[in-house]
Amino acid sequence: ASTVKLTSYRAWPNMHDSQFALYKLPMQA
């Protein structure tokens, strides 16, 4: 579980399509 610089569009992260990965959604309080 690491921290990388991700771009997003309207709370949805832009993802790599060739990584065995899950991306965390930022949850606003």
mmCIF file of all heavy atoms, coordinates in Angstrom:
data_MODEL
# 
_entry.id   MODEL 
# 
loop_
_atom_site.group_PDB 
_atom_site.id 
_atom_site.type_symbol 
_atom_site.label_atom_id 
_atom_site.label_alt_id 
_atom_site.label_comp_id 
_atom_site.label_asym_id 
_atom_site.label_entity_id 
_atom_site.label_seq_id 
_atom_site.pdbx_PDB_ins_code 
_atom_site.Cartn_x 
_atom_site.Cartn_y 
_atom_site.Cartn_z 
_atom_site.occupancy 
_atom_site.B_iso_or_equiv 
_atom_site.pdbx_formal_charge 
_atom_site.auth_seq_id 
_atom_site.auth_comp_id 
_atom_site.auth_asym_id 
_atom_site.auth_atom_id 
_atom_site.pdbx_PDB_model_num 
ATOM 1   N N   . ALA A 1 1  ? 0.854   -1.187 0.000   1.00 0.00 ? 1  ALA A N   1 
ATOM 2   C CA  . ALA A 1 1  ? 0.000   0.000  0.000   1.00 0.00 ? 1  ALA A CA  1 
ATOM 3   C C   . ALA A 1 1  ? 0.889   1.234  0.000   1.00 0.00 ? 1  ALA A C   1 
ATOM 4   O O   . ALA A 1 1  ? 1.563   1.511  0.989   1.00 0.00 ? 1  ALA A O   1 
ATOM 5   C CB  . ALA A 1 1  ? -0.924  0.003  1.213   1.00 0.00 ? 1  ALA A CB  1 
ATOM 6   N N   . SER A 1 2  ? 0.893   1.970  -1.097  1.00 0.00 ? 2  SER A N   1 
ATOM 7   C CA  . SER A 1 2  ? 1.800   3.099  -1.223  1.00 0.00 ? 2  SER A CA  1 
ATOM 8   C C   . SER A 1 2  ? 1.035   4.356  -1.615  1.00 0.00 ? 2  SER A C   1 
ATOM 9   O O   . SER A 1 2  ? -0.156  4.321  -1.936  1.00 0.00 ? 2  SER A O   1 
ATOM 10  C CB  . SER A 1 2  ? 2.882   2.805  -2.263  1.00 0.00 ? 2  SER A CB  1 
ATOM 11  O OG  . SER A 1 2  ? 2.302   2.614  -3.542  1.00 0.00 ? 2  SER A OG  1 
ATOM 12  N N   . THR A 1 3  ? 1.751   5.456  -1.589  1.00 0.00 ? 3  THR A N   1 
ATOM 13  C CA  . THR A 1 3  ? 1.189   6.752  -1.961  1.00 0.00 ? 3  THR A CA  1 
ATOM 14  C C   . THR A 1 3  ? 1.811   7.201  -3.272  1.00 0.00 ? 3  THR A C   1 
ATOM 15  O O   . THR A 1 3  ? 3.036   7.298  -3.373  1.00 0.00 ? 3  THR A O   1 
ATOM 16  C CB  . THR A 1 3  ? 1.469   7.796  -0.869  1.00 0.00 ? 3  THR A CB  1 
ATOM 17  O OG1 . THR A 1 3  ? 0.989   7.314  0.393   1.00 0.00 ? 3  THR A OG1 1 
ATOM 18  C CG2 . THR A 1 3  ? 0.784   9.110  -1.198  1.00 0.00 ? 3  THR A CG2 1 
ATOM 19  N N   . VAL A 1 4  ? 0.992   7.434  -4.259  1.00 0.00 ? 4  VAL A N   1 
ATOM 20  C CA  . VAL A 1 4  ? 1.466   7.907  -5.556  1.00 0.00 ? 4  VAL A CA  1 
ATOM 21  C C   . VAL A 1 4  ? 0.670   9.150  -5.939  1.00 0.00 ? 4  VAL A C   1 
ATOM 22  O O   . VAL A 1 4  ? -0.419  9.404  -5.410  1.00 0.00 ? 4  VAL A O   1 
ATOM 23  C CB  . VAL A 1 4  ? 1.328   6.826  -6.650  1.00 0.00 ? 4  VAL A CB  1 
ATOM 24  C CG1 . VAL A 1 4  ? 2.161   5.606  -6.307  1.00 0.00 ? 4  VAL A CG1 1 
ATOM 25  C CG2 . VAL A 1 4  ? -0.132  6.432  -6.842  1.00 0.00 ? 4  VAL A CG2 1 
ATOM 26  N N   . LYS A 1 5  ? 1.225   9.908  -6.849  1.00 0.00 ? 5  LYS A N   1 
ATOM 27  C CA  . LYS A 1 5  ? 0.537   11.098 -7.335  1.00 0.00 ? 5  LYS A CA  1 
ATOM 28  C C   . LYS A 1 5  ? -0.489  10.684 -8.369  1.00 0.00 ? 5  LYS A C   1 
ATOM 29  O O   . LYS A 1 5  ? -0.157  10.156 -9.430  1.00 0.00 ? 5  LYS A O   1 
ATOM 30  C CB  . LYS A 1 5  ? 1.538   12.087 -7.943  1.00 0.00 ? 5  LYS A CB  1 
ATOM 31  C CG  . LYS A 1 5  ? 0.918   13.414 -8.334  1.00 0.00 ? 5  LYS A CG  1 
ATOM 32  C CD  . LYS A 1 5  ? 1.958   14.389 -8.842  1.00 0.00 ? 5  LYS A CD  1 
ATOM 33  C CE  . LYS A 1 5  ? 1.328   15.725 -9.218  1.00 0.00 ? 5  LYS A CE  1 
ATOM 34  N NZ  . LYS A 1 5  ? 2.353   16.690 -9.719  1.00 0.00 ? 5  LYS A NZ  1 
ATOM 35  N N   . LEU A 1 6  ? -1.754  10.889 -8.054  1.00 0.00 ? 6  LEU A N   1 
ATOM 36  C CA  . LEU A 1 6  ? -2.839  10.490 -8.938  1.00 0.00 ? 6  LEU A CA  1 
ATOM 37  C C   . LEU A 1 6  ? -3.627  11.714 -9.378  1.00 0.00 ? 6  LEU A C   1 
ATOM 38  O O   . LEU A 1 6  ? -3.881  12.620 -8.578  1.00 0.00 ? 6  LEU A O   1 
ATOM 39  C CB  . LEU A 1 6  ? -3.792  9.517  -8.225  1.00 0.00 ? 6  LEU A CB  1 
ATOM 40  C CG  . LEU A 1 6  ? -3.286  8.109  -7.920  1.00 0.00 ? 6  LEU A CG  1 
ATOM 41  C CD1 . LEU A 1 6  ? -4.328  7.350  -7.129  1.00 0.00 ? 6  LEU A CD1 1 
ATOM 42  C CD2 . LEU A 1 6  ? -2.933  7.361  -9.188  1.00 0.00 ? 6  LEU A CD2 1 
ATOM 43  N N   . THR A 1 7  ? -3.993  11.705 -10.626 1.00 0.00 ? 7  THR A N   1 
ATOM 44  C CA  . THR A 1 7  ? -4.951  12.703 -11.098 1.00 0.00 ? 7  THR A CA  1 
ATOM 45  C C   . THR A 1 7  ? -6.349  12.103 -11.016 1.00 0.00 ? 7  THR A C   1 
ATOM 46  O O   . THR A 1 7  ? -6.518  10.874 -11.009 1.00 0.00 ? 7  THR A O   1 
ATOM 47  C CB  . THR A 1 7  ? -4.645  13.121 -12.540 1.00 0.00 ? 7  THR A CB  1 
ATOM 48  O OG1 . THR A 1 7  ? -4.683  11.957 -13.385 1.00 0.00 ? 7  THR A OG1 1 
ATOM 49  C CG2 . THR A 1 7  ? -3.269  13.768 -12.622 1.00 0.00 ? 7  THR A CG2 1 
ATOM 50  N N   . SER A 1 8  ? -7.326  12.935 -10.935 1.00 0.00 ? 8  SER A N   1 
ATOM 51  C CA  . SER A 1 8  ? -8.697  12.444 -10.833 1.00 0.00 ? 8  SER A CA  1 
ATOM 52  C C   . SER A 1 8  ? -9.644  13.400 -11.537 1.00 0.00 ? 8  SER A C   1 
ATOM 53  O O   . SER A 1 8  ? -9.306  14.561 -11.793 1.00 0.00 ? 8  SER A O   1 
ATOM 54  C CB  . SER A 1 8  ? -9.107  12.284 -9.361  1.00 0.00 ? 8  SER A CB  1 
ATOM 55  O OG  . SER A 1 8  ? -9.090  13.540 -8.701  1.00 0.00 ? 8  SER A OG  1 
ATOM 56  N N   . TYR A 1 9  ? -10.817 12.880 -11.849 1.00 0.00 ? 9  TYR A N   1 
ATOM 57  C CA  . TYR A 1 9  ? -11.874 13.695 -12.432 1.00 0.00 ? 9  TYR A CA  1 
ATOM 58  C C   . TYR A 1 9  ? -13.137 13.463 -11.644 1.00 0.00 ? 9  TYR A C   1 
ATOM 59  O O   . TYR A 1 9  ? -13.682 12.357 -11.615 1.00 0.00 ? 9  TYR A O   1 
ATOM 60  C CB  . TYR A 1 9  ? -12.087 13.346 -13.906 1.00 0.00 ? 9  TYR A CB  1 
ATOM 61  C CG  . TYR A 1 9  ? -13.200 14.148 -14.557 1.00 0.00 ? 9  TYR A CG  1 
ATOM 62  C CD1 . TYR A 1 9  ? -13.023 15.497 -14.848 1.00 0.00 ? 9  TYR A CD1 1 
ATOM 63  C CD2 . TYR A 1 9  ? -14.408 13.562 -14.865 1.00 0.00 ? 9  TYR A CD2 1 
ATOM 64  C CE1 . TYR A 1 9  ? -14.031 16.245 -15.434 1.00 0.00 ? 9  TYR A CE1 1 
ATOM 65  C CE2 . TYR A 1 9  ? -15.431 14.293 -15.458 1.00 0.00 ? 9  TYR A CE2 1 
ATOM 66  C CZ  . TYR A 1 9  ? -15.230 15.633 -15.741 1.00 0.00 ? 9  TYR A CZ  1 
ATOM 67  O OH  . TYR A 1 9  ? -16.234 16.361 -16.315 1.00 0.00 ? 9  TYR A OH  1 
ATOM 68  N N   . ARG A 1 10 ? -13.562 14.501 -10.928 1.00 0.00 ? 10 ARG A N   1 
ATOM 69  C CA  . ARG A 1 10 ? -14.771 14.426 -10.118 1.00 0.00 ? 10 ARG A CA  1 
ATOM 70  C C   . ARG A 1 10 ? -14.748 13.231 -9.175  1.00 0.00 ? 10 ARG A C   1 
ATOM 71  O O   . ARG A 1 10 ? -15.630 12.368 -9.198  1.00 0.00 ? 10 ARG A O   1 
ATOM 72  C CB  . ARG A 1 10 ? -16.008 14.421 -11.008 1.00 0.00 ? 10 ARG A CB  1 
ATOM 73  C CG  . ARG A 1 10 ? -16.173 15.751 -11.753 1.00 0.00 ? 10 ARG A CG  1 
ATOM 74  C CD  . ARG A 1 10 ? -17.472 15.855 -12.513 1.00 0.00 ? 10 ARG A CD  1 
ATOM 75  N NE  . ARG A 1 10 ? -17.683 17.233 -12.988 1.00 0.00 ? 10 ARG A NE  1 
ATOM 76  C CZ  . ARG A 1 10 ? -18.720 17.630 -13.708 1.00 0.00 ? 10 ARG A CZ  1 
ATOM 77  N NH1 . ARG A 1 10 ? -19.642 16.764 -14.049 1.00 0.00 ? 10 ARG A NH1 1 
ATOM 78  N NH2 . ARG A 1 10 ? -18.831 18.878 -14.076 1.00 0.00 ? 10 ARG A NH2 1 
ATOM 79  N N   . ALA A 1 11 ? -13.697 13.178 -8.367  1.00 0.00 ? 11 ALA A N   1 
ATOM 80  C CA  . ALA A 1 11 ? -13.517 12.205 -7.284  1.00 0.00 ? 11 ALA A CA  1 
ATOM 81  C C   . ALA A 1 11 ? -13.152 10.807 -7.765  1.00 0.00 ? 11 ALA A C   1 
ATOM 82  O O   . ALA A 1 11 ? -12.948 9.917  -6.953  1.00 0.00 ? 11 ALA A O   1 
ATOM 83  C CB  . ALA A 1 11 ? -14.761 12.128 -6.388  1.00 0.00 ? 11 ALA A CB  1 
ATOM 84  N N   . TRP A 1 12 ? -13.052 10.598 -9.078  1.00 0.00 ? 12 TRP A N   1 
ATOM 85  C CA  . TRP A 1 12 ? -12.711 9.268  -9.592  1.00 0.00 ? 12 TRP A CA  1 
ATOM 86  C C   . TRP A 1 12 ? -11.269 9.297  -10.093 1.00 0.00 ? 12 TRP A C   1 
ATOM 87  O O   . TRP A 1 12 ? -10.940 10.051 -11.003 1.00 0.00 ? 12 TRP A O   1 
ATOM 88  C CB  . TRP A 1 12 ? -13.652 8.869  -10.724 1.00 0.00 ? 12 TRP A CB  1 
ATOM 89  C CG  . TRP A 1 12 ? -13.459 7.464  -11.200 1.00 0.00 ? 12 TRP A CG  1 
ATOM 90  C CD1 . TRP A 1 12 ? -12.751 7.049  -12.292 1.00 0.00 ? 12 TRP A CD1 1 
ATOM 91  C CD2 . TRP A 1 12 ? -13.960 6.273  -10.591 1.00 0.00 ? 12 TRP A CD2 1 
ATOM 92  N NE1 . TRP A 1 12 ? -12.792 5.691  -12.416 1.00 0.00 ? 12 TRP A NE1 1 
ATOM 93  C CE2 . TRP A 1 12 ? -13.523 5.179  -11.371 1.00 0.00 ? 12 TRP A CE2 1 
ATOM 94  C CE3 . TRP A 1 12 ? -14.728 6.024  -9.454  1.00 0.00 ? 12 TRP A CE3 1 
ATOM 95  C CZ2 . TRP A 1 12 ? -13.835 3.863  -11.057 1.00 0.00 ? 12 TRP A CZ2 1 
ATOM 96  C CZ3 . TRP A 1 12 ? -15.041 4.709  -9.150  1.00 0.00 ? 12 TRP A CZ3 1 
ATOM 97  C CH2 . TRP A 1 12 ? -14.603 3.653  -9.936  1.00 0.00 ? 12 TRP A CH2 1 
ATOM 98  N N   . PRO A 1 13 ? -10.366 8.490  -9.504  1.00 0.00 ? 13 PRO A N   1 
ATOM 99  C CA  . PRO A 1 13 ? -8.957  8.537  -9.907  1.00 0.00 ? 13 PRO A CA  1 
ATOM 100 C C   . PRO A 1 13 ? -8.740  7.987  -11.310 1.00 0.00 ? 13 PRO A C   1 
ATOM 101 O O   . PRO A 1 13 ? -9.434  7.059  -11.742 1.00 0.00 ? 13 PRO A O   1 
ATOM 102 C CB  . PRO A 1 13 ? -8.253  7.667  -8.856  1.00 0.00 ? 13 PRO A CB  1 
ATOM 103 C CG  . PRO A 1 13 ? -9.321  6.779  -8.307  1.00 0.00 ? 13 PRO A CG  1 
ATOM 104 C CD  . PRO A 1 13 ? -10.606 7.544  -8.410  1.00 0.00 ? 13 PRO A CD  1 
ATOM 105 N N   . ASN A 1 14 ? -7.786  8.575  -12.030 1.00 0.00 ? 14 ASN A N   1 
ATOM 106 C CA  . ASN A 1 14 ? -7.365  8.038  -13.318 1.00 0.00 ? 14 ASN A CA  1 
ATOM 107 C C   . ASN A 1 14 ? -6.407  6.881  -13.058 1.00 0.00 ? 14 ASN A C   1 
ATOM 108 O O   . ASN A 1 14 ? -5.390  7.037  -12.387 1.00 0.00 ? 14 ASN A O   1 
ATOM 109 C CB  . ASN A 1 14 ? -6.690  9.132  -14.147 1.00 0.00 ? 14 ASN A CB  1 
ATOM 110 C CG  . ASN A 1 14 ? -7.658  10.241 -14.512 1.00 0.00 ? 14 ASN A CG  1 
ATOM 111 O OD1 . ASN A 1 14 ? -8.806  9.982  -14.861 1.00 0.00 ? 14 ASN A OD1 1 
ATOM 112 N ND2 . ASN A 1 14 ? -7.208  11.485 -14.402 1.00 0.00 ? 14 ASN A ND2 1 
ATOM 113 N N   . MET A 1 15 ? -6.710  5.714  -13.612 1.00 0.00 ? 15 MET A N   1 
ATOM 114 C CA  . MET A 1 15 ? -6.030  4.477  -13.234 1.00 0.00 ? 15 MET A CA  1 
ATOM 115 C C   . MET A 1 15 ? -5.220  3.900  -14.383 1.00 0.00 ? 15 MET A C   1 
ATOM 116 O O   . MET A 1 15 ? -5.533  4.115  -15.547 1.00 0.00 ? 15 MET A O   1 
ATOM 117 C CB  . MET A 1 15 ? -7.053  3.436  -12.769 1.00 0.00 ? 15 MET A CB  1 
ATOM 118 C CG  . MET A 1 15 ? -8.000  3.925  -11.713 1.00 0.00 ? 15 MET A CG  1 
ATOM 119 S SD  . MET A 1 15 ? -9.250  2.680  -11.332 1.00 0.00 ? 15 MET A SD  1 
ATOM 120 C CE  . MET A 1 15 ? -10.409 3.675  -10.381 1.00 0.00 ? 15 MET A CE  1 
ATOM 121 N N   . HIS A 1 16 ? -4.205  3.121  -14.006 1.00 0.00 ? 16 HIS A N   1 
ATOM 122 C CA  . HIS A 1 16 ? -3.462  2.333  -14.981 1.00 0.00 ? 16 HIS A CA  1 
ATOM 123 C C   . HIS A 1 16 ? -4.257  1.072  -15.294 1.00 0.00 ? 16 HIS A C   1 
ATOM 124 O O   . HIS A 1 16 ? -4.799  0.435  -14.396 1.00 0.00 ? 16 HIS A O   1 
ATOM 125 C CB  . HIS A 1 16 ? -2.086  1.961  -14.428 1.00 0.00 ? 16 HIS A CB  1 
ATOM 126 C CG  . HIS A 1 16 ? -1.221  3.145  -14.116 1.00 0.00 ? 16 HIS A CG  1 
ATOM 127 N ND1 . HIS A 1 16 ? -0.551  3.837  -15.087 1.00 0.00 ? 16 HIS A ND1 1 
ATOM 128 C CD2 . HIS A 1 16 ? -0.931  3.749  -12.953 1.00 0.00 ? 16 HIS A CD2 1 
ATOM 129 C CE1 . HIS A 1 16 ? 0.122   4.826  -14.533 1.00 0.00 ? 16 HIS A CE1 1 
ATOM 130 N NE2 . HIS A 1 16 ? -0.085  4.802  -13.235 1.00 0.00 ? 16 HIS A NE2 1 
ATOM 131 N N   . ASP A 1 17 ? -4.300  0.706  -16.560 1.00 0.00 ? 17 ASP A N   1 
ATOM 132 C CA  . ASP A 1 17 ? -5.086  -0.472 -16.934 1.00 0.00 ? 17 ASP A CA  1 
ATOM 133 C C   . ASP A 1 17 ? -4.264  -1.750 -16.929 1.00 0.00 ? 17 ASP A C   1 
ATOM 134 O O   . ASP A 1 17 ? -4.768  -2.814 -17.286 1.00 0.00 ? 17 ASP A O   1 
ATOM 135 C CB  . ASP A 1 17 ? -5.726  -0.274 -18.307 1.00 0.00 ? 17 ASP A CB  1 
ATOM 136 C CG  . ASP A 1 17 ? -4.702  0.017  -19.400 1.00 0.00 ? 17 ASP A CG  1 
ATOM 137 O OD1 . ASP A 1 17 ? -3.490  0.018  -19.090 1.00 0.00 ? 17 ASP A OD1 1 
ATOM 138 O OD2 . ASP A 1 17 ? -5.107  0.262  -20.547 1.00 0.00 ? 17 ASP A OD2 1 
ATOM 139 N N   . SER A 1 18 ? -2.983  -1.689 -16.527 1.00 0.00 ? 18 SER A N   1 
ATOM 140 C CA  . SER A 1 18 ? -2.151  -2.886 -16.545 1.00 0.00 ? 18 SER A CA  1 
ATOM 141 C C   . SER A 1 18 ? -1.499  -3.145 -15.188 1.00 0.00 ? 18 SER A C   1 
ATOM 142 O O   . SER A 1 18 ? -0.493  -3.835 -15.106 1.00 0.00 ? 18 SER A O   1 
ATOM 143 C CB  . SER A 1 18 ? -1.053  -2.756 -17.617 1.00 0.00 ? 18 SER A CB  1 
ATOM 144 O OG  . SER A 1 18 ? -0.194  -1.667 -17.319 1.00 0.00 ? 18 SER A OG  1 
ATOM 145 N N   . GLN A 1 19 ? -2.059  -2.589 -14.121 1.00 0.00 ? 19 GLN A N   1 
ATOM 146 C CA  . GLN A 1 19 ? -1.547  -2.840 -12.780 1.00 0.00 ? 19 GLN A CA  1 
ATOM 147 C C   . GLN A 1 19 ? -2.544  -3.656 -11.987 1.00 0.00 ? 19 GLN A C   1 
ATOM 148 O O   . GLN A 1 19 ? -3.754  -3.409 -12.053 1.00 0.00 ? 19 GLN A O   1 
ATOM 149 C CB  . GLN A 1 19 ? -1.263  -1.527 -12.050 1.00 0.00 ? 19 GLN A CB  1 
ATOM 150 C CG  . GLN A 1 19 ? -0.005  -0.813 -12.508 1.00 0.00 ? 19 GLN A CG  1 
ATOM 151 C CD  . GLN A 1 19 ? 0.305   0.371  -11.621 1.00 0.00 ? 19 GLN A CD  1 
ATOM 152 O OE1 . GLN A 1 19 ? -0.586  0.991  -11.061 1.00 0.00 ? 19 GLN A OE1 1 
ATOM 153 N NE2 . GLN A 1 19 ? 1.579   0.686  -11.481 1.00 0.00 ? 19 GLN A NE2 1 
ATOM 154 N N   . PHE A 1 20 ? -2.021  -4.619 -11.230 1.00 0.00 ? 20 PHE A N   1 
ATOM 155 C CA  . PHE A 1 20 ? -2.872  -5.391 -10.334 1.00 0.00 ? 20 PHE A CA  1 
ATOM 156 C C   . PHE A 1 20 ? -3.034  -4.555 -9.072  1.00 0.00 ? 20 PHE A C   1 
ATOM 157 O O   . PHE A 1 20 ? -2.318  -4.735 -8.083  1.00 0.00 ? 20 PHE A O   1 
ATOM 158 C CB  . PHE A 1 20 ? -2.247  -6.751 -10.047 1.00 0.00 ? 20 PHE A CB  1 
ATOM 159 C CG  . PHE A 1 20 ? -2.078  -7.587 -11.284 1.00 0.00 ? 20 PHE A CG  1 
ATOM 160 C CD1 . PHE A 1 20 ? -0.894  -7.557 -12.003 1.00 0.00 ? 20 PHE A CD1 1 
ATOM 161 C CD2 . PHE A 1 20 ? -3.113  -8.377 -11.747 1.00 0.00 ? 20 PHE A CD2 1 
ATOM 162 C CE1 . PHE A 1 20 ? -0.733  -8.321 -13.153 1.00 0.00 ? 20 PHE A CE1 1 
ATOM 163 C CE2 . PHE A 1 20 ? -2.965  -9.143 -12.904 1.00 0.00 ? 20 PHE A CE2 1 
ATOM 164 C CZ  . PHE A 1 20 ? -1.780  -9.109 -13.606 1.00 0.00 ? 20 PHE A CZ  1 
ATOM 165 N N   . ALA A 1 21 ? -3.986  -3.645 -9.120  1.00 0.00 ? 21 ALA A N   1 
ATOM 166 C CA  . ALA A 1 21 ? -4.059  -2.611 -8.094  1.00 0.00 ? 21 ALA A CA  1 
ATOM 167 C C   . ALA A 1 21 ? -5.499  -2.236 -7.805  1.00 0.00 ? 21 ALA A C   1 
ATOM 168 O O   . ALA A 1 21 ? -6.396  -2.424 -8.632  1.00 0.00 ? 21 ALA A O   1 
ATOM 169 C CB  . ALA A 1 21 ? -3.280  -1.368 -8.532  1.00 0.00 ? 21 ALA A CB  1 
ATOM 170 N N   . LEU A 1 22 ? -5.701  -1.709 -6.610  1.00 0.00 ? 22 LEU A N   1 
ATOM 171 C CA  . LEU A 1 22 ? -6.942  -1.060 -6.228  1.00 0.00 ? 22 LEU A CA  1 
ATOM 172 C C   . LEU A 1 22 ? -6.610  0.371  -5.825  1.00 0.00 ? 22 LEU A C   1 
ATOM 173 O O   . LEU A 1 22 ? -5.525  0.634  -5.294  1.00 0.00 ? 22 LEU A O   1 
ATOM 174 C CB  . LEU A 1 22 ? -7.607  -1.801 -5.060  1.00 0.00 ? 22 LEU A CB  1 
ATOM 175 C CG  . LEU A 1 22 ? -8.060  -3.234 -5.336  1.00 0.00 ? 22 LEU A CG  1 
ATOM 176 C CD1 . LEU A 1 22 ? -8.488  -3.910 -4.040  1.00 0.00 ? 22 LEU A CD1 1 
ATOM 177 C CD2 . LEU A 1 22 ? -9.201  -3.263 -6.345  1.00 0.00 ? 22 LEU A CD2 1 
ATOM 178 N N   . TYR A 1 23 ? -7.533  1.285  -6.066  1.00 0.00 ? 23 TYR A N   1 
ATOM 179 C CA  . TYR A 1 23 ? -7.305  2.702  -5.817  1.00 0.00 ? 23 TYR A CA  1 
ATOM 180 C C   . TYR A 1 23 ? -8.300  3.181  -4.756  1.00 0.00 ? 23 TYR A C   1 
ATOM 181 O O   . TYR A 1 23 ? -9.498  2.916  -4.849  1.00 0.00 ? 23 TYR A O   1 
ATOM 182 C CB  . TYR A 1 23 ? -7.472  3.509  -7.099  1.00 0.00 ? 23 TYR A CB  1 
ATOM 183 C CG  . TYR A 1 23 ? -6.452  3.166  -8.154  1.00 0.00 ? 23 TYR A CG  1 
ATOM 184 C CD1 . TYR A 1 23 ? -6.610  2.041  -8.965  1.00 0.00 ? 23 TYR A CD1 1 
ATOM 185 C CD2 . TYR A 1 23 ? -5.320  3.947  -8.339  1.00 0.00 ? 23 TYR A CD2 1 
ATOM 186 C CE1 . TYR A 1 23 ? -5.673  1.711  -9.930  1.00 0.00 ? 23 TYR A CE1 1 
ATOM 187 C CE2 . TYR A 1 23 ? -4.376  3.635  -9.304  1.00 0.00 ? 23 TYR A CE2 1 
ATOM 188 C CZ  . TYR A 1 23 ? -4.565  2.509  -10.094 1.00 0.00 ? 23 TYR A CZ  1 
ATOM 189 O OH  . TYR A 1 23 ? -3.628  2.183  -11.049 1.00 0.00 ? 23 TYR A OH  1 
ATOM 190 N N   . LYS A 1 24 ? -7.777  3.922  -3.789  1.00 0.00 ? 24 LYS A N   1 
ATOM 191 C CA  . LYS A 1 24 ? -8.633  4.367  -2.686  1.00 0.00 ? 24 LYS A CA  1 
ATOM 192 C C   . LYS A 1 24 ? -9.395  5.627  -3.078  1.00 0.00 ? 24 LYS A C   1 
ATOM 193 O O   . LYS A 1 24 ? -8.819  6.573  -3.623  1.00 0.00 ? 24 LYS A O   1 
ATOM 194 C CB  . LYS A 1 24 ? -7.802  4.638  -1.438  1.00 0.00 ? 24 LYS A CB  1 
ATOM 195 C CG  . LYS A 1 24 ? -8.645  4.796  -0.168  1.00 0.00 ? 24 LYS A CG  1 
ATOM 196 C CD  . LYS A 1 24 ? -7.791  4.824  1.077   1.00 0.00 ? 24 LYS A CD  1 
ATOM 197 C CE  . LYS A 1 24 ? -8.659  4.767  2.329   1.00 0.00 ? 24 LYS A CE  1 
ATOM 198 N NZ  . LYS A 1 24 ? -7.836  4.781  3.570   1.00 0.00 ? 24 LYS A NZ  1 
ATOM 199 N N   . LEU A 1 25 ? -10.696 5.620  -2.773  1.00 0.00 ? 25 LEU A N   1 
ATOM 200 C CA  . LEU A 1 25 ? -11.511 6.792  -3.039  1.00 0.00 ? 25 LEU A CA  1 
ATOM 201 C C   . LEU A 1 25 ? -11.424 7.756  -1.864  1.00 0.00 ? 25 LEU A C   1 
ATOM 202 O O   . LEU A 1 25 ? -11.641 7.349  -0.716  1.00 0.00 ? 25 LEU A O   1 
ATOM 203 C CB  . LEU A 1 25 ? -12.976 6.394  -3.261  1.00 0.00 ? 25 LEU A CB  1 
ATOM 204 C CG  . LEU A 1 25 ? -13.315 5.679  -4.559  1.00 0.00 ? 25 LEU A CG  1 
ATOM 205 C CD1 . LEU A 1 25 ? -14.811 5.405  -4.613  1.00 0.00 ? 25 LEU A CD1 1 
ATOM 206 C CD2 . LEU A 1 25 ? -12.893 6.490  -5.767  1.00 0.00 ? 25 LEU A CD2 1 
ATOM 207 N N   . PRO A 1 26 ? -11.116 9.023  -2.120  1.00 0.00 ? 26 PRO A N   1 
ATOM 208 C CA  . PRO A 1 26 ? -11.108 9.997  -1.028  1.00 0.00 ? 26 PRO A CA  1 
ATOM 209 C C   . PRO A 1 26 ? -12.525 10.251 -0.545  1.00 0.00 ? 26 PRO A C   1 
ATOM 210 O O   . PRO A 1 26 ? -13.420 10.561 -1.339  1.00 0.00 ? 26 PRO A O   1 
ATOM 211 C CB  . PRO A 1 26 ? -10.490 11.245 -1.670  1.00 0.00 ? 26 PRO A CB  1 
ATOM 212 C CG  . PRO A 1 26 ? -10.751 11.089 -3.139  1.00 0.00 ? 26 PRO A CG  1 
ATOM 213 C CD  . PRO A 1 26 ? -10.747 9.617  -3.420  1.00 0.00 ? 26 PRO A CD  1 
ATOM 214 N N   . MET A 1 27 ? -12.737 10.096 0.741   1.00 0.00 ? 27 MET A N   1 
ATOM 215 C CA  . MET A 1 27 ? -14.071 10.248 1.320   1.00 0.00 ? 27 MET A CA  1 
ATOM 216 C C   . MET A 1 27 ? -14.134 11.560 2.091   1.00 0.00 ? 27 MET A C   1 
ATOM 217 O O   . MET A 1 27 ? -13.438 11.741 3.084   1.00 0.00 ? 27 MET A O   1 
ATOM 218 C CB  . MET A 1 27 ? -14.391 9.076  2.246   1.00 0.00 ? 27 MET A CB  1 
ATOM 219 C CG  . MET A 1 27 ? -15.784 9.120  2.840   1.00 0.00 ? 27 MET A CG  1 
ATOM 220 S SD  . MET A 1 27 ? -17.076 8.604  1.690   1.00 0.00 ? 27 MET A SD  1 
ATOM 221 C CE  . MET A 1 27 ? -16.705 6.861  1.560   1.00 0.00 ? 27 MET A CE  1 
ATOM 222 N N   . GLN A 1 28 ? -14.970 12.489 1.630   1.00 0.00 ? 28 GLN A N   1 
ATOM 223 C CA  . GLN A 1 28 ? -15.137 13.755 2.335   1.00 0.00 ? 28 GLN A CA  1 
ATOM 224 C C   . GLN A 1 28 ? -16.048 13.559 3.547   1.00 0.00 ? 28 GLN A C   1 
ATOM 225 O O   . GLN A 1 28 ? -17.026 12.821 3.493   1.00 0.00 ? 28 GLN A O   1 
ATOM 226 C CB  . GLN A 1 28 ? -15.726 14.811 1.404   1.00 0.00 ? 28 GLN A CB  1 
ATOM 227 C CG  . GLN A 1 28 ? -14.809 15.219 0.270   1.00 0.00 ? 28 GLN A CG  1 
ATOM 228 C CD  . GLN A 1 28 ? -15.431 16.325 -0.583  1.00 0.00 ? 28 GLN A CD  1 
ATOM 229 O OE1 . GLN A 1 28 ? -16.545 16.794 -0.317  1.00 0.00 ? 28 GLN A OE1 1 
ATOM 230 N NE2 . GLN A 1 28 ? -14.718 16.738 -1.617  1.00 0.00 ? 28 GLN A NE2 1 
ATOM 231 N N   . ALA A 1 29 ? -15.693 14.236 4.633   1.00 0.00 ? 29 ALA A N   1 
ATOM 232 C CA  . ALA A 1 29 ? -16.514 14.168 5.831   1.00 0.00 ? 29 ALA A CA  1 
ATOM 233 C C   . ALA A 1 29 ? -17.698 15.111 5.715   1.00 0.00 ? 29 ALA A C   1 
ATOM 234 O O   . ALA A 1 29 ? -17.625 16.161 5.067   1.00 0.00 ? 29 ALA A O   1 
ATOM 235 C CB  . ALA A 1 29 ? -15.671 14.533 7.052   1.00 0.00 ? 29 ALA A CB  1 
# 
